[in-house]
C-alpha atoms as a PDB file:
ATOM      1  CA  MET A   1    -110.261   4.546  53.898  1.00  0.00           C
ATOM      2  CA  ALA A   2    -110.066   5.481  49.906  1.00  0.00           C
ATOM      3  CA  VAL A   3    -107.949   4.477  47.657  1.00  0.00           C
ATOM      4  CA  ARG A   4    -106.965   6.698  44.687  1.00  0.00           C
ATOM      5  CA  THR A   5    -106.992   5.223  41.273  1.00  0.00           C
ATOM      6  CA  HIS A   6    -105.411   8.033  39.351  1.00  0.00           C
ATOM      7  CA  ARG A   7    -103.558  10.420  39.459  1.00  0.00           C
ATOM      8  CA  ARG A   8    -105.244  13.688  40.316  1.00  0.00           C
ATOM      9  CA  ASN A   9    -103.306  16.550  41.224  1.00  0.00           C
ATOM     10  CA  LEU A  10    -100.703  15.587  43.702  1.00  0.00           C
ATOM     11  CA  PRO A  11    -101.093  12.342  45.127  1.00  0.00           C
ATOM     12  CA  SER A  12     -99.961   9.945  43.431  1.00  0.00           C
ATOM     13  CA  GLN A  13    -102.037   6.666  42.341  1.00  0.00           C
ATOM     14  CA  GLY A  14    -102.417   4.147  44.637  1.00  0.00           C
ATOM     15  CA  GLN A  15    -102.702   6.856  47.848  1.00  0.00           C
ATOM     16  CA  PHE A  16    -104.357   5.177  50.377  1.00  0.00           C
ATOM     17  CA  GLY A  17    -105.554   6.912  53.613  1.00  0.00           C
ATOM     18  CA  TRP A  18    -108.451   8.867  55.057  1.00  0.00           C
ATOM     19  CA  ASP A  19    -110.408  12.102  56.153  1.00  0.00           C
ATOM     20  CA  GLY A  20    -112.059  11.746  58.954  1.00  0.00           C
ATOM     21  CA  GLY A  21    -115.737  13.575  59.771  1.00  0.00           C
ATOM     22  CA  LEU A  22    -113.617  15.452  62.930  1.00  0.00           C
ATOM     23  CA  GLY A  23    -111.201  17.987  61.284  1.00  0.00           C
ATOM     24  CA  THR A  24    -108.779  14.037  61.006  1.00  0.00           C
ATOM     25  CA  THR A  25    -106.817  14.021  57.390  1.00  0.00           C
ATOM     26  CA  ALA A  26    -104.424  11.516  56.859  1.00  0.00           C
ATOM     27  CA  TYR A  27    -103.053   9.783  54.099  1.00  0.00           C
ATOM     28  CA  ALA A  28     -99.775   8.124  52.725  1.00  0.00           C
ATOM     29  CA  ASP A  29     -98.595   7.681  49.686  1.00  0.00           C
ATOM     30  CA  PRO A  30     -95.556   5.148  48.120  1.00  0.00           C
ATOM     31  CA  ALA A  31     -94.824   5.621  45.079  1.00  0.00           C
ATOM     32  CA  GLU A  32     -93.570   9.014  46.456  1.00  0.00           C
ATOM     33  CA  ASP A  33     -92.178   7.714  49.993  1.00  0.00           C
ATOM     34  CA  LEU A  34     -94.505  10.254  52.210  1.00  0.00           C
ATOM     35  CA  VAL A  35     -96.588   9.429  54.732  1.00  0.00           C
ATOM     36  CA  GLY A  36     -98.869  12.445  56.690  1.00  0.00           C
ATOM     37  CA  ILE A  37    -101.820  12.699  59.299  1.00  0.00           C
ATOM     38  CA  LEU A  38    -103.030  15.364  60.256  1.00  0.00           C
ATOM     39  CA  LEU A  39    -105.813  16.530  64.207  1.00  0.00           C
ATOM     40  CA  THR A  40    -107.531  19.356  64.017  1.00  0.00           C
ATOM     41  CA  GLN A  41    -110.811  19.567  66.144  1.00  0.00           C
ATOM     42  CA  SER A  42    -112.481  20.914  63.311  1.00  0.00           C
ATOM     43  CA  ALA A  43    -115.674  19.712  61.983  1.00  0.00           C
ATOM     44  CA  MET A  44    -116.145  18.589  58.053  1.00  0.00           C
ATOM     45  CA  ASP A  45    -119.218  20.442  57.563  1.00  0.00           C
ATOM     46  CA  SER A  46    -118.825  21.273  53.879  1.00  0.00           C
ATOM     47  CA  VAL A  47    -118.555  19.684  50.421  1.00  0.00           C
ATOM     48  CA  HIS A  48    -115.376  21.945  49.818  1.00  0.00           C
ATOM     49  CA  THR A  49    -112.376  20.218  51.799  1.00  0.00           C
ATOM     50  CA  PRO A  50    -110.897  22.730  54.039  1.00  0.00           C
ATOM     51  CA  ARG A  51    -107.852  24.865  53.282  1.00  0.00           C
ATOM     52  CA  LEU A  52    -105.705  24.166  56.034  1.00  0.00           C
ATOM     53  CA  HIS A  53    -105.937  20.304  54.575  1.00  0.00           C
ATOM     54  CA  ARG A  54    -104.633  21.583  51.896  1.00  0.00           C
ATOM     55  CA  ASP A  55    -102.314  23.668  53.171  1.00  0.00           C
ATOM     56  CA  PHE A  56    -101.152  20.999  55.145  1.00  0.00           C
ATOM     57  CA  TRP A  57    -100.980  18.760  51.732  1.00  0.00           C
ATOM     58  CA  THR A  58     -99.060  21.069  49.540  1.00  0.00           C
ATOM     59  CA  THR A  59     -96.735  21.156  51.908  1.00  0.00           C
ATOM     60  CA  ALA A  60     -96.443  17.963  52.104  1.00  0.00           C
ATOM     61  CA  TYR A  61     -96.234  16.510  49.143  1.00  0.00           C
ATOM     62  CA  GLN A  62     -92.973  19.763  48.537  1.00  0.00           C
ATOM     63  CA  THR A  63     -91.067  18.466  50.787  1.00  0.00           C
ATOM     64  CA  THR A  64     -91.067  15.405  48.106  1.00  0.00           C
ATOM     65  CA  SER A  65     -89.451  17.078  45.429  1.00  0.00           C
END
């Protein structure tokens, strides 16, 4: 479980959730009234965020504006 303590890029302070090792990403951002869950079967085998995850969250946050 992770809790964002400062704003950096899209997510707001207070966003909380989880990035799983087998491709799951799930977060809630109360400030934006946003919940997102992405389930994949692609291992997180790199220290860099997969492009699919970045694109998913970018698109999700674009719907809040």
